[in-house]
Structure formats: structure tokens, C-alpha cells
Protein backbone atom coordinates (compact mmCIF):
# COMPACT_ATOMS: atom_id res chain seq x y z
CA LEU A 1 -1.49 180.38 49.55
CA THR A 2 -2.77 178.04 52.27
CA PHE A 3 -0.57 176.58 54.97
CA THR A 4 -0.70 175.11 58.47
CA HIS A 5 -0.04 177.73 61.12
CA LYS A 6 2.26 176.30 63.77
CA CYS A 7 4.46 179.17 64.85
CA LEU A 8 2.03 180.01 67.65
CA GLY A 9 1.53 176.40 68.65
CA ILE A 10 -1.87 176.15 66.97
CA SER A 11 -2.21 172.87 65.12
CA ARG A 12 -4.60 171.97 62.29
CA ARG A 13 -5.58 175.57 61.75
CA MET A 14 -5.59 176.65 58.11
CA LEU A 15 -5.00 180.24 57.07
CA LYS A 16 -5.47 181.79 53.65
CA LEU A 17 -3.35 184.71 52.48
CA THR A 18 -4.49 187.03 49.71
CA PHE A 19 -1.88 189.01 47.78
CA TYR A 20 -2.79 192.37 46.19
CA PRO A 21 -0.90 194.25 43.47
CA ILE A 22 1.49 196.81 44.89
CA GLU A 23 -0.23 199.52 42.83
CA ALA A 24 -3.52 198.91 44.66
CA ILE A 25 -1.80 199.27 48.00
CA LYS A 26 -0.08 202.51 47.01
CA GLU A 27 -3.31 204.01 45.70
CA LYS A 28 -5.30 203.13 48.85
CA PRO A 29 -5.95 206.39 50.74
CA GLN A 30 -4.58 206.66 54.26
CA MET A 31 -7.48 206.92 56.68
CA GLU A 32 -7.48 207.80 60.35
CA GLU A 33 -8.01 204.84 62.63
CA THR A 34 -11.72 204.50 63.41
CA PRO A 35 -13.61 201.92 65.45
CA ASP A 36 -14.88 198.90 63.56
CA ILE A 37 -18.54 198.99 64.62
CA THR A 38 -20.02 195.59 63.83
CA ASP A 39 -23.20 195.58 65.89
CA GLU A 40 -25.39 197.68 68.15
CA LEU A 41 -23.41 196.84 71.28
CA SER A 42 -20.20 198.10 69.69
CA ALA A 43 -21.96 201.28 68.56
CA TRP A 44 -23.35 201.80 72.06
CA LEU A 45 -19.90 201.41 73.64
CA VAL A 46 -18.28 203.92 71.28
CA ASP A 47 -21.04 206.44 72.02
CA GLU A 48 -20.83 205.76 75.77
CA LEU A 49 -17.08 206.38 75.96
CA HIS A 50 -16.75 208.99 73.22
CA ASP A 51 -15.40 211.65 75.63
CA VAL A 52 -12.96 209.41 77.49
CA ALA A 53 -9.85 211.34 78.58
CA LEU A 54 -6.64 209.31 78.77
CA GLY A 55 -4.34 212.24 78.10
CA ASP A 56 -3.39 210.90 74.66
CA LYS A 57 -5.63 211.11 71.58
CA ARG A 58 -4.05 208.02 70.02
CA LEU A 59 -4.77 205.99 73.14
CA GLU A 60 -8.34 207.27 73.21
CA ARG A 61 -8.92 206.23 69.58
CA ARG A 62 -7.35 202.85 70.25
CA LEU A 63 -9.58 202.38 73.33
CA LEU A 64 -12.70 202.94 71.23
CA THR A 65 -11.43 200.63 68.50
CA THR A 66 -10.49 197.86 70.93
CA GLY A 67 -13.65 198.36 72.95
CA ALA A 68 -15.82 198.00 69.84
CA GLN A 69 -14.01 194.79 68.88
CA LEU A 70 -14.39 193.30 72.36
CA ALA A 71 -18.05 194.34 72.54
CA ALA A 72 -18.71 192.53 69.26
CA ARG A 73 -17.39 189.29 70.82
CA PRO A 74 -17.92 189.68 74.59
CA SER A 75 -17.36 186.00 75.34
CA GLY A 76 -14.14 185.76 73.32
CA SER A 77 -10.55 186.45 74.27
CA ILE A 78 -8.61 189.48 73.07
CA ASN A 79 -7.02 187.38 70.34
CA GLN A 80 -10.43 186.15 69.17
CA ALA A 81 -12.03 189.59 69.22
CA CYS A 82 -9.31 191.46 67.36
CA ALA A 83 -9.48 191.33 63.58
CA ALA A 84 -5.74 191.03 63.03
CA TRP A 85 -2.54 190.31 64.93
CA ALA A 86 -1.65 194.01 64.75
CA ASP A 87 -4.92 194.83 66.57
CA THR A 88 -4.13 192.22 69.21
CA LYS A 89 -0.70 193.70 69.91
CA ALA A 90 -2.18 197.20 69.97
CA ALA A 91 -4.79 196.07 72.52
CA TYR A 92 -2.13 194.66 74.84
CA ARG A 93 -0.07 197.85 74.51
CA LEU A 94 -3.19 199.86 75.34
CA PHE A 95 -3.88 197.96 78.55
CA ALA A 96 -0.19 198.00 79.54
CA ASN A 97 0.01 201.79 79.21
CA ALA A 98 0.08 203.58 82.56
CA LYS A 99 -2.35 206.21 81.23
CA THR A 100 -5.03 203.57 80.66
CA THR A 101 -6.70 203.13 84.05
CA ALA A 102 -10.03 201.64 85.06
CA GLU A 103 -11.01 204.92 86.69
CA LYS A 104 -10.51 206.90 83.47
CA ILE A 105 -12.39 204.32 81.40
CA ARG A 106 -15.33 204.23 83.80
CA ALA A 107 -15.55 208.04 84.15
CA PRO A 108 -17.53 208.72 80.93
CA HIS A 109 -19.85 205.81 81.72
CA TYR A 110 -20.55 207.30 85.15
CA ARG A 111 -21.42 210.60 83.43
CA ARG A 112 -23.83 208.83 81.08
CA THR A 113 -25.37 207.06 84.11
CA ARG A 114 -26.02 210.38 85.85
CA GLU A 115 -27.61 211.74 82.67
CA ARG A 116 -29.92 208.73 82.38
CA ALA A 117 -30.81 208.94 86.09
CA ARG A 118 -32.21 212.46 85.84
CA GLY A 119 -35.98 212.72 86.22
CA HIS A 120 -36.42 209.43 88.08
CA GLN A 121 -38.12 209.74 91.47
CA ARG A 122 -36.78 206.43 92.79
CA LEU A 123 -33.81 204.32 91.77
CA PHE A 124 -32.43 200.99 92.92
CA ALA A 125 -28.74 200.14 93.27
CA LEU A 126 -28.31 196.40 92.76
CA GLN A 127 -25.04 195.13 94.22
CA ASP A 128 -23.01 192.05 93.50
CA THR A 129 -19.63 190.68 94.54
CA THR A 130 -17.72 188.71 91.92
CA TYR A 131 -14.52 186.70 92.36
CA LEU A 132 -12.10 186.90 89.43
CA ASN A 133 -10.23 183.61 89.27
CA TYR A 134 -6.63 183.83 88.01
CA THR A 135 -5.44 180.56 89.53
CA HIS A 136 -4.35 179.25 86.13
CA HIS A 137 -2.18 182.32 85.55
CA PRO A 138 0.55 181.76 88.18
CA ALA A 139 2.84 184.46 86.74
CA THR A 140 0.26 187.18 87.44
CA LYS A 141 1.30 189.50 90.28
CA GLY A 142 -0.88 191.29 92.81
CA LEU A 143 -3.38 188.47 93.41
CA GLY A 144 -4.84 187.26 96.67
CA PRO A 145 -6.71 184.20 97.92
CA ILE A 146 -10.33 183.70 96.90
CA GLY A 147 -12.78 180.94 97.74
CA THR A 148 -12.08 178.55 100.60
CA ALA A 149 -8.67 177.60 101.95
CA GLN A 150 -9.17 174.06 100.67
CA GLN A 151 -9.75 175.29 97.10
CA LYS A 152 -6.40 177.12 96.99
CA LEU A 153 -7.65 179.66 94.46
CA SER A 154 -6.10 183.05 93.74
CA GLY A 155 -7.52 186.14 92.11
CA LEU A 156 -9.28 189.44 92.81
CA VAL A 157 -12.57 190.58 94.33
CA MET A 158 -14.88 192.91 92.41
CA HIS A 159 -17.89 194.65 93.93
CA THR A 160 -20.29 196.38 91.51
CA ALA A 161 -23.44 198.44 91.95
CA LEU A 162 -25.86 198.74 89.01
CA LEU A 163 -28.39 201.58 88.98
CA MET A 164 -31.88 200.56 87.84
CA SER A 165 -35.21 202.35 87.47
CA GLU A 166 -38.47 201.25 89.12
CA GLN A 167 -39.52 199.75 85.79
CA GLY A 168 -36.40 197.55 85.72
CA LEU A 169 -34.44 199.57 83.15
CA PRO A 170 -30.66 199.38 83.72
CA LEU A 171 -29.17 202.89 83.76
CA GLY A 172 -25.51 202.03 84.28
CA LEU A 173 -22.94 201.41 86.97
CA THR A 174 -22.89 203.67 89.99
CA SER A 175 -19.70 202.24 91.51
CA GLN A 176 -17.19 199.47 91.04
CA ALA A 177 -14.27 198.49 93.25
CA ILE A 178 -11.62 195.82 92.64
CA TRP A 179 -9.21 194.65 95.30
CA ARG A 180 -7.22 191.70 96.52
CA VAL A 181 -7.41 189.84 99.83
CA ARG A 182 -4.12 189.20 101.58
CA LEU A 183 -2.98 186.99 104.43
CA SER A 184 -0.68 188.61 106.97
CA ALA A 185 0.64 185.19 108.04
CA PRO A 186 -0.06 181.52 107.31
CA GLY A 187 -3.36 180.60 108.91
CA ALA A 188 -4.14 184.20 109.80
CA ALA A 189 -7.46 185.88 109.07
CA ARG A 190 -7.84 187.40 105.65
CA LYS A 191 -7.50 191.15 105.25
CA HIS A 192 -8.44 193.40 102.38
CA ASP A 193 -5.38 194.96 100.79
CA ALA A 194 -5.33 198.71 101.40
CA SER A 195 -3.29 199.19 98.23
CA CYS A 196 -6.27 198.55 95.96
CA ARG A 197 -7.25 201.44 93.75
CA SER A 198 -10.57 202.29 95.36
CA LYS A 199 -9.44 201.32 98.87
CA PRO A 200 -12.76 199.60 99.73
CA LYS A 201 -13.51 198.07 103.07
CA LYS A 202 -15.04 194.65 103.48
CA ALA A 203 -18.10 194.57 101.27
CA PRO A 204 -20.50 191.68 101.87
CA SER A 205 -22.98 191.31 99.03
CA GLY A 206 -26.19 193.30 99.50
CA SER A 207 -25.03 195.36 102.45
CA ARG A 208 -22.44 197.84 101.14
CA PRO A 209 -23.77 201.42 100.97
CA CYS A 210 -23.86 202.85 97.49
CA ASN A 211 -22.62 206.31 96.59
CA ARG A 212 -24.07 208.59 93.95
CA PRO A 213 -23.33 207.66 90.34
CA GLY A 214 -19.67 208.14 89.61
CA PRO A 215 -16.64 208.46 91.86
């Protein structure tokens, strides 16, 4: 059965549905949810975060599944990366869960970074400040001004440090902080919001001291 899918506002998009006998569905064994590893990047991510601790085994399995799907299509949206609408809804529920925090997700990666850093005599921490632009998402809360006053952009600031060997081999992140900039009054100087998770101070690119790998 082929039809035009319009219920989501997507025009001229054709979908094909395949119907299976009910006997085949009943006989299909019930398997535990496992990540759909479609390429090396997905496999690497699952191995990197295999010991993530969210306090809920179902959330941890869903994180690996969603992470593998997003890694397979890093430039796509959540909807594009997920194989089915059920996976898309599960991904949004995962990120909306209070137990799913950036700190918990990054923790196993920091451990892997420390493991890879062992034995190196000298390491370099390459730092970068990135501005996350959410101007076109006006309903999003907790944003601050980014860019110049004339641009009237809103979003978040992210400062990342990547650990690298002398030979140029990336070993992993050593720190990452995300915060918003707030204005105390119209025309006033910008201040970094102290309510951000990592509570960073002003961090101009290339000058912020870097801590050891991990929090």
C-alpha cells in the first residue's frame, strides 16, 4: 500500500507499508533491545559508552541504541537518524528524562580518555569555543545572547578541550562546559550565567586552563 504522507505536514513523500501474516509476527522471538550498529563509528560509540551509569538499565540500553543511530548519521536530525517513529519518540523521552545528563554521558568517555592517555610523555589540550545558535527555536528556554548585539542571536556557549598526542592522535575530550550568557539589564555588559552546569568563568578561546581528563 502506497500513499502520500501528510499527517506530519510532509508533502510529496511516498511511504510503502508491508503487511506480514499474523502467524509470522507471533512466531518471531522476543529479543532484548540492542543497538543497531551500522558502521564503525556506531560500534566505537557503543564500546566507548558501554559502562555508562544513568541509574536505569533501560535508559542505558536506549542511550546506546540512540547513540549508535545518531553516530551512523551525524549530520542528520533525530528524526532522520532513527529507523522508525517509535525510535524517534524513545530518543526524545531519553533526552527529556532527568536521569539523562551530559555529565553522566561524558563520564565513560572521560575514563576512556584517561586510559588512552597513559604512557604518553607529552599531551596537548586543544581548546575551542563554539556558539550554539537556537535563534530559530523561540520556544526554547534557558538561552542567552550570542554573537553581536546587532545580530540579535540567542543560544548557548560551549567550550571544549580535546586531548591529543604529540603525533596528532586524538585521545578524547578532557573537559567540556556549556553555559548561557545573560544580560542583567538592557544595554548592560554581558555576564556568564552562574546557573550553568559546570559553572565556568569567562573562557576566551585558547587561554582557559585545562584540567586533567574527566571532571
